Amino acid sequence: MDTKAPLDVIAGSLRRERTRTGLSLTELAKRAGIAKSTLSQLESGTGNPSVETLWALCVALGIQFADLIEPPRPKVQVIRADEGPAIYSEHADYSATLVASSPPNARRDLYRIKVAPGPGRESQPHMPGTIEHVVLSSGRALIGPADEPVELGPGDYVVYPGDVPHLFRALTPATTAVLVSETS
């Protein structure tokens, strides 16, 4: 088992967060109630931190525990137009490509949608509290609750409850959109 990798992540996170807050080793150790030598060892990737020590450092730094033990995610992520896992409808010329899934403690997913004219995609209600946001990128479409969809053109935005039957029907070829599904 590789025990060095988590220590390296913790060391890097501690250095990054201490620099961000502008705290010295001495000041952070004092605020966390730990020895300066312990903090120095942790920042150098040596030592064996306890959960209690890590929690004390998180409180002193004003960060979440996960911020200390998970590798940082890139600040900029690019997904090209032809990349990502596409999921296709059985009943319509419709595909949804997951672009970004919900991070921990959030409930939203981001999809790129491609639809051809036809019957459209009729979706059954999702989990209670689900809201869908759509920005039409190209084409024209009827989008929204199945009993009252609205017609959108390029650049138009609609938000509607996703916990009722809803529709996405392309009116022109090459209709594309960005859909954000969020649950409260």
C-alpha atoms as a PDB file:
ATOM      1  CA  MET A   1       0.000   0.000   0.000  1.00  0.00           C
ATOM      2  CA  ASP A   2       1.371   3.429  -0.971  1.00  0.00           C
ATOM      3  CA  THR A   3       1.220   5.606   2.137  1.00  0.00           C
ATOM      4  CA  LYS A   4       3.469   8.344   0.716  1.00  0.00           C
ATOM      5  CA  ALA A   5       0.925   9.714  -1.788  1.00  0.00           C
ATOM      6  CA  PRO A   6      -1.620  10.897   0.843  1.00  0.00           C
ATOM      7  CA  LEU A   7       1.183  12.500   2.881  1.00  0.00           C
ATOM      8  CA  ASP A   8       2.364  14.343  -0.236  1.00  0.00           C
ATOM      9  CA  VAL A   9      -1.173  15.596  -0.903  1.00  0.00           C
ATOM     10  CA  ILE A  10      -1.546  16.750   2.714  1.00  0.00           C
ATOM     11  CA  ALA A  11       1.884  18.426   2.617  1.00  0.00           C
ATOM     12  CA  GLY A  12       1.066  20.295  -0.589  1.00  0.00           C
ATOM     13  CA  SER A  13      -2.380  21.286   0.672  1.00  0.00           C
ATOM     14  CA  LEU A  14      -0.976  22.592   3.957  1.00  0.00           C
ATOM     15  CA  ARG A  15       1.672  24.691   2.188  1.00  0.00           C
ATOM     16  CA  ARG A  16      -0.874  26.014  -0.334  1.00  0.00           C
ATOM     17  CA  GLU A  17      -3.470  26.927   2.298  1.00  0.00           C
ATOM     18  CA  ARG A  18      -0.957  28.428   4.712  1.00  0.00           C
ATOM     19  CA  THR A  19       0.416  30.593   1.889  1.00  0.00           C
ATOM     20  CA  ARG A  20      -3.129  31.573   0.864  1.00  0.00           C
ATOM     21  CA  THR A  21      -3.941  32.730   4.396  1.00  0.00           C
ATOM     22  CA  GLY A  22      -0.562  34.431   4.876  1.00  0.00           C
ATOM     23  CA  LEU A  23       0.123  32.586   8.138  1.00  0.00           C
ATOM     24  CA  SER A  24       3.623  31.696   9.306  1.00  0.00           C
ATOM     25  CA  LEU A  25       4.438  28.178  10.493  1.00  0.00           C
ATOM     26  CA  THR A  26       4.533  29.498  14.055  1.00  0.00           C
ATOM     27  CA  GLU A  27       1.157  31.256  13.809  1.00  0.00           C
ATOM     28  CA  LEU A  28      -0.645  28.329  12.171  1.00  0.00           C
ATOM     29  CA  ALA A  29       0.786  25.859  14.698  1.00  0.00           C
ATOM     30  CA  LYS A  30      -0.324  28.152  17.535  1.00  0.00           C
ATOM     31  CA  ARG A  31      -3.869  28.542  16.135  1.00  0.00           C
ATOM     32  CA  ALA A  32      -4.166  24.767  15.611  1.00  0.00           C
ATOM     33  CA  GLY A  33      -2.733  23.964  19.048  1.00  0.00           C
ATOM     34  CA  ILE A  34       0.057  21.779  17.675  1.00  0.00           C
ATOM     35  CA  ALA A  35       3.842  21.940  17.853  1.00  0.00           C
ATOM     36  CA  LYS A  36       5.608  23.956  15.159  1.00  0.00           C
ATOM     37  CA  SER A  37       7.889  20.941  14.535  1.00  0.00           C
ATOM     38  CA  THR A  38       4.809  18.775  13.869  1.00  0.00           C
ATOM     39  CA  LEU A  39       3.517  21.268  11.307  1.00  0.00           C
ATOM     40  CA  SER A  40       6.941  21.517   9.700  1.00  0.00           C
ATOM     41  CA  GLN A  41       7.111  17.719   9.372  1.00  0.00           C
ATOM     42  CA  LEU A  42       3.619  17.600   7.850  1.00  0.00           C
ATOM     43  CA  GLU A  43       4.474  20.307   5.311  1.00  0.00           C
ATOM     44  CA  SER A  44       7.616  18.387   4.316  1.00  0.00           C
ATOM     45  CA  GLY A  45       5.610  15.180   3.771  1.00  0.00           C
ATOM     46  CA  THR A  46       7.030  13.369   6.778  1.00  0.00           C
ATOM     47  CA  GLY A  47       5.307  12.631  10.043  1.00  0.00           C
ATOM     48  CA  ASN A  48       2.163  10.713  10.725  1.00  0.00           C
ATOM     49  CA  PRO A  49      -0.784  13.075  11.244  1.00  0.00           C
ATOM     50  CA  SER A  50      -3.749  12.063  13.345  1.00  0.00           C
ATOM     51  CA  VAL A  51      -7.299  12.894  12.352  1.00  0.00           C
ATOM     52  CA  GLU A  52      -7.443  15.285  15.301  1.00  0.00           C
ATOM     53  CA  THR A  53      -4.328  17.151  14.113  1.00  0.00           C
ATOM     54  CA  LEU A  54      -5.698  17.449  10.591  1.00  0.00           C
ATOM     55  CA  TRP A  55      -9.073  18.687  11.860  1.00  0.00           C
ATOM     56  CA  ALA A  56      -7.352  21.282  14.057  1.00  0.00           C
ATOM     57  CA  LEU A  57      -5.378  22.513  11.045  1.00  0.00           C
ATOM     58  CA  CYS A  58      -8.532  22.693   8.922  1.00  0.00           C
ATOM     59  CA  VAL A  59     -10.283  24.790  11.568  1.00  0.00           C
ATOM     60  CA  ALA A  60      -7.257  27.095  11.892  1.00  0.00           C
ATOM     61  CA  LEU A  61      -7.085  27.499   8.098  1.00  0.00           C
ATOM     62  CA  GLY A  62     -10.863  27.850   7.650  1.00  0.00           C
ATOM     63  CA  ILE A  63     -11.063  24.990   5.140  1.00  0.00           C
ATOM     64  CA  GLN A  64     -13.010  21.761   4.734  1.00  0.00           C
ATOM     65  CA  PHE A  65     -11.340  18.462   5.672  1.00  0.00           C
ATOM     66  CA  ALA A  66     -11.549  17.313   2.033  1.00  0.00           C
ATOM     67  CA  ASP A  67      -9.544  20.389   0.969  1.00  0.00           C
ATOM     68  CA  LEU A  68      -6.625  19.004   2.940  1.00  0.00           C
ATOM     69  CA  ILE A  69      -6.700  15.351   1.939  1.00  0.00           C
ATOM     70  CA  GLU A  70      -7.871  15.412  -1.697  1.00  0.00           C
ATOM     71  CA  PRO A  71      -5.583  16.438  -4.535  1.00  0.00           C
ATOM     72  CA  PRO A  72      -6.572  19.837  -5.935  1.00  0.00           C
ATOM     73  CA  ARG A  73      -8.726  19.793  -9.037  1.00  0.00           C
ATOM     74  CA  PRO A  74      -7.488  21.764 -12.009  1.00  0.00           C
ATOM     75  CA  LYS A  75      -8.856  25.313 -12.057  1.00  0.00           C
ATOM     76  CA  VAL A  76      -9.382  25.129 -15.804  1.00  0.00           C
ATOM     77  CA  GLN A  77     -10.807  22.029 -17.445  1.00  0.00           C
ATOM     78  CA  VAL A  78     -11.513  21.783 -21.175  1.00  0.00           C
ATOM     79  CA  ILE A  79     -13.841  19.246 -22.746  1.00  0.00           C
ATOM     80  CA  ARG A  80     -13.907  19.520 -26.529  1.00  0.00           C
ATOM     81  CA  ALA A  81     -17.175  19.405 -28.475  1.00  0.00           C
ATOM     82  CA  ASP A  82     -16.670  15.778 -29.533  1.00  0.00           C
ATOM     83  CA  GLU A  83     -15.566  14.516 -26.105  1.00  0.00           C
ATOM     84  CA  GLY A  84     -17.470  13.069 -23.146  1.00  0.00           C
ATOM     85  CA  PRO A  85     -19.761  10.099 -22.613  1.00  0.00           C
ATOM     86  CA  ALA A  86     -22.856  10.452 -24.833  1.00  0.00           C
ATOM     87  CA  ILE A  87     -26.124   8.738 -23.935  1.00  0.00           C
ATOM     88  CA  TYR A  88     -28.729   8.238 -26.659  1.00  0.00           C
ATOM     89  CA  SER A  89     -32.526   8.090 -26.516  1.00  0.00           C
ATOM     90  CA  GLU A  90     -34.370   4.969 -27.705  1.00  0.00           C
ATOM     91  CA  HIS A  91     -37.346   6.991 -28.919  1.00  0.00           C
ATOM     92  CA  ALA A  92     -35.845  10.145 -30.456  1.00  0.00           C
ATOM     93  CA  ASP A  93     -32.777  11.375 -32.288  1.00  0.00           C
ATOM     94  CA  TYR A  94     -31.488  12.840 -29.022  1.00  0.00           C
ATOM     95  CA  SER A  95     -28.187  12.549 -27.223  1.00  0.00           C
ATOM     96  CA  ALA A  96     -27.039  13.927 -23.874  1.00  0.00           C
ATOM     97  CA  THR A  97     -23.327  14.177 -23.143  1.00  0.00           C
ATOM     98  CA  LEU A  98     -22.325  14.561 -19.521  1.00  0.00           C
ATOM     99  CA  VAL A  99     -19.904  17.491 -19.412  1.00  0.00           C
ATOM    100  CA  ALA A 100     -19.568  17.987 -15.647  1.00  0.00           C
ATOM    101  CA  SER A 101     -21.011  15.928 -12.842  1.00  0.00           C
ATOM    102  CA  SER A 102     -21.928  17.326  -9.504  1.00  0.00           C
ATOM    103  CA  PRO A 103     -19.078  17.890  -7.077  1.00  0.00           C
ATOM    104  CA  PRO A 104     -19.449  16.574  -3.512  1.00  0.00           C
ATOM    105  CA  ASN A 105     -22.228  18.296  -1.516  1.00  0.00           C
ATOM    106  CA  ALA A 106     -23.802  19.799  -4.642  1.00  0.00           C
ATOM    107  CA  ARG A 107     -26.555  18.435  -6.795  1.00  0.00           C
ATOM    108  CA  ARG A 108     -26.129  19.584 -10.359  1.00  0.00           C
ATOM    109  CA  ASP A 109     -24.990  18.011 -13.588  1.00  0.00           C
ATOM    110  CA  LEU A 110     -24.128  19.757 -16.865  1.00  0.00           C
ATOM    111  CA  TYR A 111     -24.983  18.218 -20.259  1.00  0.00           C
ATOM    112  CA  ARG A 112     -24.448  19.068 -23.908  1.00  0.00           C
ATOM    113  CA  ILE A 113     -27.594  18.140 -25.879  1.00  0.00           C
ATOM    114  CA  LYS A 114     -27.912  17.299 -29.600  1.00  0.00           C
ATOM    115  CA  VAL A 115     -31.386  16.758 -31.070  1.00  0.00           C
ATOM    116  CA  ALA A 116     -32.762  16.223 -34.584  1.00  0.00           C
ATOM    117  CA  PRO A 117     -36.324  17.079 -35.633  1.00  0.00           C
ATOM    118  CA  GLY A 118     -38.855  14.389 -34.808  1.00  0.00           C
ATOM    119  CA  PRO A 119     -41.033  13.411 -31.877  1.00  0.00           C
ATOM    120  CA  GLY A 120     -38.516  14.768 -29.382  1.00  0.00           C
ATOM    121  CA  ARG A 121     -37.429  13.453 -26.019  1.00  0.00           C
ATOM    122  CA  GLU A 122     -40.248  13.120 -23.511  1.00  0.00           C
ATOM    123  CA  SER A 123     -38.770  12.732 -20.038  1.00  0.00           C
ATOM    124  CA  GLN A 124     -40.554  11.284 -17.064  1.00  0.00           C
ATOM    125  CA  PRO A 125     -40.351  13.262 -13.790  1.00  0.00           C
ATOM    126  CA  HIS A 126     -36.957  13.243 -12.091  1.00  0.00           C
ATOM    127  CA  MET A 127     -36.387  13.376  -8.312  1.00  0.00           C
ATOM    128  CA  PRO A 128     -38.600  15.846  -6.401  1.00  0.00           C
ATOM    129  CA  GLY A 129     -37.059  19.317  -6.359  1.00  0.00           C
ATOM    130  CA  THR A 130     -35.258  18.884  -9.696  1.00  0.00           C
ATOM    131  CA  ILE A 131     -34.985  22.036 -11.807  1.00  0.00           C
ATOM    132  CA  GLU A 132     -33.651  22.070 -15.366  1.00  0.00           C
ATOM    133  CA  HIS A 133     -31.966  25.065 -17.008  1.00  0.00           C
ATOM    134  CA  VAL A 134     -31.475  25.073 -20.789  1.00  0.00           C
ATOM    135  CA  VAL A 135     -29.612  27.519 -23.016  1.00  0.00           C
ATOM    136  CA  LEU A 136     -30.251  26.780 -26.682  1.00  0.00           C
ATOM    137  CA  SER A 137     -26.993  26.971 -28.639  1.00  0.00           C
ATOM    138  CA  SER A 138     -28.255  26.405 -32.190  1.00  0.00           C
ATOM    139  CA  GLY A 139     -31.480  25.593 -34.027  1.00  0.00           C
ATOM    140  CA  ARG A 140     -34.993  25.975 -32.668  1.00  0.00           C
ATOM    141  CA  ALA A 141     -36.786  23.762 -30.144  1.00  0.00           C
ATOM    142  CA  LEU A 142     -39.817  23.298 -27.940  1.00  0.00           C
ATOM    143  CA  ILE A 143     -38.567  22.815 -24.394  1.00  0.00           C
ATOM    144  CA  GLY A 144     -40.164  22.651 -20.945  1.00  0.00           C
ATOM    145  CA  PRO A 145     -43.060  20.990 -19.162  1.00  0.00           C
ATOM    146  CA  ALA A 146     -44.809  18.531 -21.489  1.00  0.00           C
ATOM    147  CA  ASP A 147     -48.122  20.378 -21.133  1.00  0.00           C
ATOM    148  CA  GLU A 148     -46.653  23.837 -21.884  1.00  0.00           C
ATOM    149  CA  PRO A 149     -43.248  23.791 -23.634  1.00  0.00           C
ATOM    150  CA  VAL A 150     -41.885  27.063 -24.993  1.00  0.00           C
ATOM    151  CA  GLU A 151     -40.180  27.695 -28.313  1.00  0.00           C
ATOM    152  CA  LEU A 152     -36.539  28.759 -28.041  1.00  0.00           C
ATOM    153  CA  GLY A 153     -34.022  30.100 -30.529  1.00  0.00           C
ATOM    154  CA  PRO A 154     -30.230  30.413 -30.329  1.00  0.00           C
ATOM    155  CA  GLY A 155     -29.137  32.084 -27.089  1.00  0.00           C
ATOM    156  CA  ASP A 156     -32.559  31.744 -25.425  1.00  0.00           C
ATOM    157  CA  TYR A 157     -32.767  30.371 -21.867  1.00  0.00           C
ATOM    158  CA  VAL A 158     -35.551  28.510 -20.065  1.00  0.00           C
ATOM    159  CA  VAL A 159     -35.837  27.101 -16.557  1.00  0.00           C
ATOM    160  CA  TYR A 160     -38.586  24.653 -15.610  1.00  0.00           C
ATOM    161  CA  PRO A 161     -39.407  21.974 -13.044  1.00  0.00           C
ATOM    162  CA  GLY A 162     -37.746  18.685 -13.943  1.00  0.00           C
ATOM    163  CA  ASP A 163     -39.889  16.774 -11.466  1.00  0.00           C
ATOM    164  CA  VAL A 164     -42.859  16.836 -13.864  1.00  0.00           C
ATOM    165  CA  PRO A 165     -43.070  15.262 -17.353  1.00  0.00           C
ATOM    166  CA  HIS A 166     -41.043  17.460 -19.718  1.00  0.00           C
ATOM    167  CA  LEU A 167     -40.106  17.695 -23.373  1.00  0.00           C
ATOM    168  CA  PHE A 168     -37.201  18.635 -25.626  1.00  0.00           C
ATOM    169  CA  ARG A 169     -38.295  18.619 -29.307  1.00  0.00           C
ATOM    170  CA  ALA A 170     -36.043  20.022 -32.060  1.00  0.00           C
ATOM    171  CA  LEU A 171     -37.822  22.064 -34.731  1.00  0.00           C
ATOM    172  CA  THR A 172     -34.776  22.412 -37.018  1.00  0.00           C
ATOM    173  CA  PRO A 173     -31.807  20.179 -37.877  1.00  0.00           C
ATOM    174  CA  ALA A 174     -28.598  20.449 -35.830  1.00  0.00           C
ATOM    175  CA  THR A 175     -30.306  21.733 -32.700  1.00  0.00           C
ATOM    176  CA  THR A 176     -27.920  21.871 -29.751  1.00  0.00           C
ATOM    177  CA  ALA A 177     -28.183  23.109 -26.174  1.00  0.00           C
ATOM    178  CA  VAL A 178     -26.562  23.139 -22.770  1.00  0.00           C
ATOM    179  CA  LEU A 179     -28.688  21.666 -19.976  1.00  0.00           C
ATOM    180  CA  VAL A 180     -28.033  21.994 -16.248  1.00  0.00           C
ATOM    181  CA  SER A 181     -30.022  19.664 -14.006  1.00  0.00           C
ATOM    182  CA  GLU A 182     -30.040  20.610 -10.338  1.00  0.00           C
ATOM    183  CA  THR A 183     -31.793  19.095  -7.359  1.00  0.00           C
ATOM    184  CA  SER A 184     -32.419  20.975  -4.137  1.00  0.00           C
END
